[in-house]
């Protein structure tokens, strides 16, 4: 009996080992399936991720064999960034995570600039410039692949627009970071004092200004804040038009927010006079009137609750 249980356990363990061995093959097959049947944006994203993973792998191997801690650290940075680019099905959350990561990177670059200002630049590891050149070439390909989503203050019509814009920003920020590392020795050759600190400080500021609009937009959707593209004055005008009707006593609990970019929903409470409501046989006329007002602002999903006093 014990022998049979041991054999069953051995067989199940062997099956588990086989499954663990083939997960890489399954991942490769999935990548080929996407390249064969996926849309152009997914193919571009997969190609960009593959380039980053290949570059970070080579950089990590060189860093380990040569004892260059800076190369190993940069390889981990690229690998983590590539991992963020794979969060495509989460859409808005993926864009927000990307933006948050890039803002933290901006802070990290600023700390590095301060460190470069304090330390002697002649003692810094300039071998990272070689890695920055190859990294810049890889990321410029990504900037070109997602050029349709280039810009800063974009109007997002759907959630995937926000997501792919965050991908474009990600590769652009990495390109700017690499360009800053490359330009520092050039500034220094021109006789500029604290050239690396100056270069990294400019990069940090540029990254912060590029990413902040996306961070605010994606955070606003996740927090269900008021849609920024609908002016408050327009909402107040609709409010006034409703309250001016003789059968409306009060409008309250009005709230509007974006579920995903480009899809605004809302809800409000109407309090009407009981006597007037009894005279009005078409009880849905008021609700349809309210829907019509807000539909002109782009709010197509509105819940109207009616109470009678």
Protein backbone atom coordinates (compact mmCIF):
# COMPACT_ATOMS: atom_id res chain seq x y z
CA UNK A 1 0.00 0.00 0.00
CA UNK A 2 2.73 2.42 0.98
CA UNK A 3 4.69 1.38 -2.10
CA UNK A 4 1.73 2.22 -4.38
CA UNK A 5 1.31 5.64 -2.75
CA UNK A 6 5.02 6.30 -3.21
CA UNK A 7 4.75 5.39 -6.90
CA UNK A 8 1.74 7.70 -7.34
CA UNK A 9 3.56 10.54 -5.60
CA UNK A 10 6.62 9.94 -7.80
CA UNK A 11 4.48 10.01 -10.95
CA UNK A 12 2.72 13.24 -9.92
CA UNK A 13 6.04 14.84 -9.07
CA UNK A 14 7.45 13.82 -12.45
CA UNK A 15 4.43 15.34 -14.20
CA UNK A 16 4.89 18.57 -12.27
CA UNK A 17 8.57 18.72 -13.27
CA UNK A 18 7.61 18.21 -16.91
CA UNK A 19 5.08 21.03 -16.69
CA UNK A 20 7.68 23.34 -15.12
CA UNK A 21 10.13 22.49 -17.90
CA UNK A 22 7.69 23.33 -20.67
CA UNK A 23 6.35 26.68 -19.38
CA UNK A 24 9.10 28.52 -21.27
CA UNK A 25 8.14 26.66 -24.44
CA UNK A 26 4.49 27.62 -23.90
CA UNK A 27 5.52 31.26 -23.49
CA UNK A 28 7.52 31.16 -26.73
CA UNK A 29 4.60 29.55 -28.56
CA UNK A 30 2.29 32.25 -27.23
CA UNK A 31 4.66 34.92 -28.53
CA UNK A 32 4.70 33.31 -31.99
CA UNK A 33 0.90 33.07 -31.92
CA UNK A 34 0.65 36.79 -31.20
CA UNK A 35 3.11 37.60 -33.97
CA UNK A 36 1.04 35.51 -36.38
CA UNK A 37 -2.53 36.44 -35.43
CA UNK A 38 -2.30 39.58 -33.23
CA UNK A 39 -3.02 43.13 -34.35
CA UNK A 40 -0.25 45.51 -35.33
CA UNK A 41 -0.08 47.23 -31.95
CA UNK A 42 0.32 43.94 -30.09
CA UNK A 43 3.02 42.85 -32.52
CA UNK A 44 4.88 46.14 -32.01
CA UNK A 45 4.60 45.79 -28.25
CA UNK A 46 5.87 42.20 -28.29
CA UNK A 47 8.77 43.20 -30.54
CA UNK A 48 9.65 46.06 -28.20
CA UNK A 49 9.53 43.84 -25.11
CA UNK A 50 11.69 41.22 -26.85
CA UNK A 51 14.32 43.83 -27.72
CA UNK A 52 14.40 45.11 -24.14
CA UNK A 53 14.65 41.62 -22.66
CA UNK A 54 17.45 40.67 -25.07
CA UNK A 55 19.36 43.87 -24.30
CA UNK A 56 18.93 43.54 -20.53
CA UNK A 57 20.03 39.87 -20.67
CA UNK A 58 23.23 40.73 -22.52
CA UNK A 59 23.85 43.68 -20.20
CA UNK A 60 23.32 41.50 -17.13
CA UNK A 61 25.70 38.82 -18.43
CA UNK A 62 28.42 41.38 -19.18
CA UNK A 63 27.92 43.01 -15.79
CA UNK A 64 28.23 39.68 -13.96
CA UNK A 65 31.33 38.51 -15.83
CA UNK A 66 33.11 41.88 -15.60
CA UNK A 67 32.00 42.72 -12.05
CA UNK A 68 30.26 45.94 -13.15
CA UNK A 69 27.50 46.54 -10.62
CA UNK A 70 26.17 49.48 -12.62
CA UNK A 71 25.45 47.27 -15.62
CA UNK A 72 23.68 44.68 -13.46
CA UNK A 73 21.55 47.39 -11.85
CA UNK A 74 20.61 48.87 -15.22
CA UNK A 75 19.71 45.39 -16.52
CA UNK A 76 17.29 44.89 -13.61
CA UNK A 77 15.79 48.32 -14.33
CA UNK A 78 15.16 47.39 -17.97
CA UNK A 79 13.72 44.01 -17.02
CA UNK A 80 11.28 45.56 -14.54
CA UNK A 81 10.25 48.12 -17.14
CA UNK A 82 9.63 45.36 -19.68
CA UNK A 83 7.46 43.60 -17.11
CA UNK A 84 5.32 46.72 -16.76
CA UNK A 85 4.82 46.84 -20.53
CA UNK A 86 3.20 43.38 -20.43
CA UNK A 87 0.27 44.58 -18.27
CA UNK A 88 -1.87 45.26 -21.34
CA UNK A 89 -5.18 43.76 -20.31
CA UNK A 90 -5.46 45.98 -17.23
CA UNK A 91 -5.54 49.08 -19.44
CA UNK A 92 -6.02 52.14 -17.15
CA UNK A 93 -4.34 50.48 -14.15
CA UNK A 94 -1.41 49.56 -16.38
CA UNK A 95 -1.10 53.17 -17.57
CA UNK A 96 -1.24 54.46 -13.99
CA UNK A 97 1.41 51.93 -12.85
CA UNK A 98 3.63 52.92 -15.75
CA UNK A 99 3.25 56.61 -14.92
CA UNK A 100 3.96 56.00 -11.23
CA UNK A 101 7.07 54.00 -12.10
CA UNK A 102 8.32 56.77 -14.40
CA UNK A 103 7.74 59.43 -11.72
CA UNK A 104 9.76 57.32 -9.28
CA UNK A 105 12.42 57.03 -11.94
CA UNK A 106 12.44 60.82 -12.26
CA UNK A 107 13.06 61.05 -8.51
CA UNK A 108 15.80 58.41 -8.78
CA UNK A 109 17.51 60.37 -11.58
CA UNK A 110 17.33 63.53 -9.46
CA UNK A 111 19.02 61.69 -6.57
CA UNK A 112 21.67 60.45 -8.99
CA UNK A 113 22.24 64.01 -10.20
CA UNK A 114 22.73 65.16 -6.60
CA UNK A 115 25.16 62.29 -6.05
CA UNK A 116 27.09 63.28 -9.17
CA UNK A 117 27.25 66.87 -7.93
CA UNK A 118 28.73 65.77 -4.59
CA UNK A 119 31.18 63.18 -5.93
CA UNK A 120 34.17 63.70 -8.18
CA UNK A 121 32.98 63.03 -11.73
CA UNK A 122 36.40 61.80 -12.79
CA UNK A 123 35.92 58.79 -10.54
CA UNK A 124 32.48 57.87 -11.91
CA UNK A 125 31.95 54.78 -14.07
CA UNK A 126 31.78 56.11 -17.62
CA UNK A 127 31.54 52.60 -19.09
CA UNK A 128 27.78 53.05 -18.63
CA UNK A 129 27.87 55.37 -21.67
CA UNK A 130 28.41 52.36 -23.94
CA UNK A 131 25.35 50.67 -22.45
CA UNK A 132 23.40 53.92 -22.80
CA UNK A 133 24.16 54.08 -26.55
CA UNK A 134 22.76 50.60 -27.20
CA UNK A 135 19.80 51.27 -24.91
CA UNK A 136 19.07 54.49 -26.79
CA UNK A 137 19.06 52.66 -30.12
CA UNK A 138 16.63 50.03 -28.79
CA UNK A 139 14.23 52.57 -27.29
CA UNK A 140 14.24 54.84 -30.34
CA UNK A 141 12.81 51.88 -32.25
CA UNK A 142 10.02 51.74 -29.66
CA UNK A 143 9.39 55.48 -29.97
CA UNK A 144 8.97 55.03 -33.72
CA UNK A 145 6.75 51.94 -33.40
CA UNK A 146 4.28 53.77 -31.10
CA UNK A 147 4.56 57.15 -32.82
CA UNK A 148 0.77 57.27 -33.31
CA UNK A 149 0.45 57.80 -29.55
CA UNK A 150 3.08 60.54 -29.36
CA UNK A 151 2.18 63.63 -27.37
CA UNK A 152 1.76 64.87 -23.81
CA UNK A 153 -1.78 66.13 -23.12
CA UNK A 154 -3.69 63.67 -25.29
CA UNK A 155 -7.46 63.23 -25.32
CA UNK A 156 -8.11 59.54 -24.68
CA UNK A 157 -11.14 58.16 -26.51
CA UNK A 158 -10.78 54.69 -25.00
CA UNK A 159 -8.73 52.92 -22.36
CA UNK A 160 -6.27 51.30 -24.75
CA UNK A 161 -5.29 54.77 -26.04
CA UNK A 162 -4.16 55.68 -22.52
CA UNK A 163 -2.34 52.38 -22.18
CA UNK A 164 -0.41 52.61 -25.45
CA UNK A 165 0.40 56.23 -24.72
CA UNK A 166 2.00 55.07 -21.47
CA UNK A 167 4.07 52.57 -23.48
CA UNK A 168 5.25 55.37 -25.77
CA UNK A 169 6.13 57.53 -22.76
CA UNK A 170 8.01 54.62 -21.17
CA UNK A 171 10.33 54.10 -24.14
CA UNK A 172 10.67 57.87 -24.62
CA UNK A 173 11.75 58.36 -21.00
CA UNK A 174 14.30 55.57 -21.32
CA UNK A 175 15.58 57.24 -24.49
CA UNK A 176 15.93 60.60 -22.73
CA UNK A 177 17.67 58.94 -19.80
CA UNK A 178 20.17 57.27 -22.15
CA UNK A 179 20.68 60.52 -24.05
CA UNK A 180 21.46 62.25 -20.75
CA UNK A 181 24.14 59.69 -19.88
CA UNK A 182 25.65 60.07 -23.36
CA UNK A 183 25.65 63.87 -23.31
CA UNK A 184 27.30 64.20 -19.88
CA UNK A 185 30.86 63.42 -21.09
CA UNK A 186 30.31 65.76 -24.04
CA UNK A 187 29.33 68.60 -21.70
CA UNK A 188 32.37 67.80 -19.60
CA UNK A 189 34.66 67.95 -22.65
CA UNK A 190 33.35 71.46 -23.32
CA UNK A 191 34.58 72.48 -19.88
CA UNK A 192 31.20 72.55 -18.13
CA UNK A 193 31.39 72.14 -14.37
CA UNK A 194 29.32 69.33 -12.85
CA UNK A 195 28.35 68.17 -16.35
CA UNK A 196 26.80 64.88 -15.24
CA UNK A 197 24.78 66.53 -12.49
CA UNK A 198 23.54 69.15 -14.96
CA UNK A 199 22.63 66.56 -17.57
CA UNK A 200 20.81 64.23 -15.17
CA UNK A 201 19.02 67.17 -13.53
CA UNK A 202 17.64 68.25 -16.92
CA UNK A 203 16.57 64.67 -17.65
CA UNK A 204 14.79 64.41 -14.30
CA UNK A 205 12.84 67.61 -14.92
CA UNK A 206 11.92 66.58 -18.46
CA UNK A 207 10.68 63.16 -17.32
CA UNK A 208 8.54 64.69 -14.57
CA UNK A 209 6.85 67.15 -16.96
CA UNK A 210 6.25 64.47 -19.60
CA UNK A 211 4.70 61.91 -17.26
CA UNK A 212 2.64 64.07 -14.88
CA UNK A 213 -0.31 64.62 -17.30
CA UNK A 214 -0.69 60.85 -17.78
CA UNK A 215 -0.39 60.26 -14.03
CA UNK A 216 -3.16 62.78 -13.34
CA UNK A 217 -5.42 61.45 -16.11
CA UNK A 218 -5.11 57.77 -15.21
CA UNK A 219 -5.33 58.52 -11.48
CA UNK A 220 -8.48 60.57 -12.09
CA UNK A 221 -10.16 57.63 -13.83
CA UNK A 222 -9.18 55.18 -11.09
CA UNK A 223 -10.42 57.56 -8.38
CA UNK A 224 -13.64 58.22 -10.34
CA UNK A 225 -13.09 61.97 -10.39
CA UNK A 226 -15.10 64.42 -12.50
CA UNK A 227 -14.28 64.15 -16.23
CA UNK A 228 -11.76 66.89 -17.09
CA UNK A 229 -13.04 67.40 -20.66
CA UNK A 230 -16.53 68.46 -19.50
CA UNK A 231 -16.45 72.03 -18.09
CA UNK A 232 -18.00 72.62 -14.70
CA UNK A 233 -19.91 75.56 -16.19
CA UNK A 234 -21.65 73.21 -18.64
CA UNK A 235 -22.75 70.91 -15.81
CA UNK A 236 -24.01 73.90 -13.82
CA UNK A 237 -25.96 75.11 -16.86
CA UNK A 238 -27.75 71.77 -17.12
CA UNK A 239 -28.42 71.90 -13.40
CA UNK A 240 -29.98 75.34 -13.78
CA UNK A 241 -32.16 74.30 -16.71
CA UNK A 242 -33.58 71.42 -14.69
CA UNK A 243 -34.27 73.42 -11.53
CA UNK A 244 -36.06 76.13 -13.55
CA UNK A 245 -38.87 73.74 -14.39
CA UNK A 246 -41.98 74.26 -12.29
CA UNK A 247 -42.39 70.57 -11.48
CA UNK A 248 -38.87 70.26 -10.00
CA UNK A 249 -38.30 71.21 -6.38
CA UNK A 250 -34.68 70.19 -5.97
CA UNK A 251 -31.81 68.48 -7.79
CA UNK A 252 -29.29 66.76 -5.52
CA UNK A 253 -26.61 64.07 -5.32
CA UNK A 254 -25.43 64.80 -8.84
CA UNK A 255 -22.18 62.98 -9.61
CA UNK A 256 -20.32 62.35 -12.87
CA UNK A 257 -17.15 60.35 -13.50
CA UNK A 258 -15.26 58.36 -16.14
CA UNK A 259 -15.45 54.58 -15.89
CA UNK A 260 -12.84 54.31 -18.64
CA UNK A 261 -11.44 57.07 -20.86
CA UNK A 262 -14.14 58.33 -23.19
CA UNK A 263 -17.05 56.75 -21.28
CA UNK A 264 -18.64 59.13 -18.76
CA UNK A 265 -21.44 58.00 -16.45
CA UNK A 266 -23.47 59.91 -13.90
CA UNK A 267 -26.35 59.87 -11.45
CA UNK A 268 -28.62 62.44 -9.84
CA UNK A 269 -31.74 62.72 -7.68
CA UNK A 270 -34.80 64.73 -8.72
CA UNK A 271 -37.38 65.83 -6.15
CA UNK A 272 -40.72 66.75 -7.72
CA UNK A 273 -44.02 68.08 -6.35
CA UNK A 274 -46.59 65.34 -5.76
CA UNK A 275 -49.53 67.38 -7.05
CA UNK A 276 -47.77 68.37 -10.24
CA UNK A 277 -46.65 64.81 -10.81
CA UNK A 278 -50.21 63.55 -10.54
CA UNK A 279 -51.31 66.03 -13.24
CA UNK A 280 -48.49 64.89 -15.53
CA UNK A 281 -49.56 61.54 -16.97
CA UNK A 282 -46.26 61.02 -18.84
CA UNK A 283 -43.95 60.38 -15.90
CA UNK A 284 -41.01 59.54 -18.19
CA UNK A 285 -41.03 62.91 -19.94
CA UNK A 286 -38.99 64.60 -17.22
CA UNK A 287 -36.43 61.83 -17.13
CA UNK A 288 -36.07 61.94 -20.91
CA UNK A 289 -35.60 65.72 -20.76
CA UNK A 290 -32.77 65.32 -18.24
CA UNK A 291 -31.13 62.61 -20.32
CA UNK A 292 -31.28 64.85 -23.39
CA UNK A 293 -29.51 67.72 -21.61
CA UNK A 294 -26.61 65.63 -20.41
CA UNK A 295 -26.41 63.61 -23.61
CA UNK A 296 -25.34 66.79 -25.39
CA UNK A 297 -22.31 66.93 -23.05
CA UNK A 298 -21.30 63.38 -23.93
CA UNK A 299 -22.83 61.68 -20.88
CA UNK A 300 -24.75 58.77 -22.40
CA UNK A 301 -25.03 56.58 -19.31
CA UNK A 302 -27.06 58.52 -16.73
CA UNK A 303 -29.12 57.21 -13.83
CA UNK A 304 -31.97 59.52 -12.74
CA UNK A 305 -33.79 58.78 -9.49
CA UNK A 306 -37.11 60.57 -8.94
CA UNK A 307 -38.69 61.27 -5.54
CA UNK A 308 -42.08 62.93 -4.99
CA UNK A 309 -42.77 65.36 -2.16
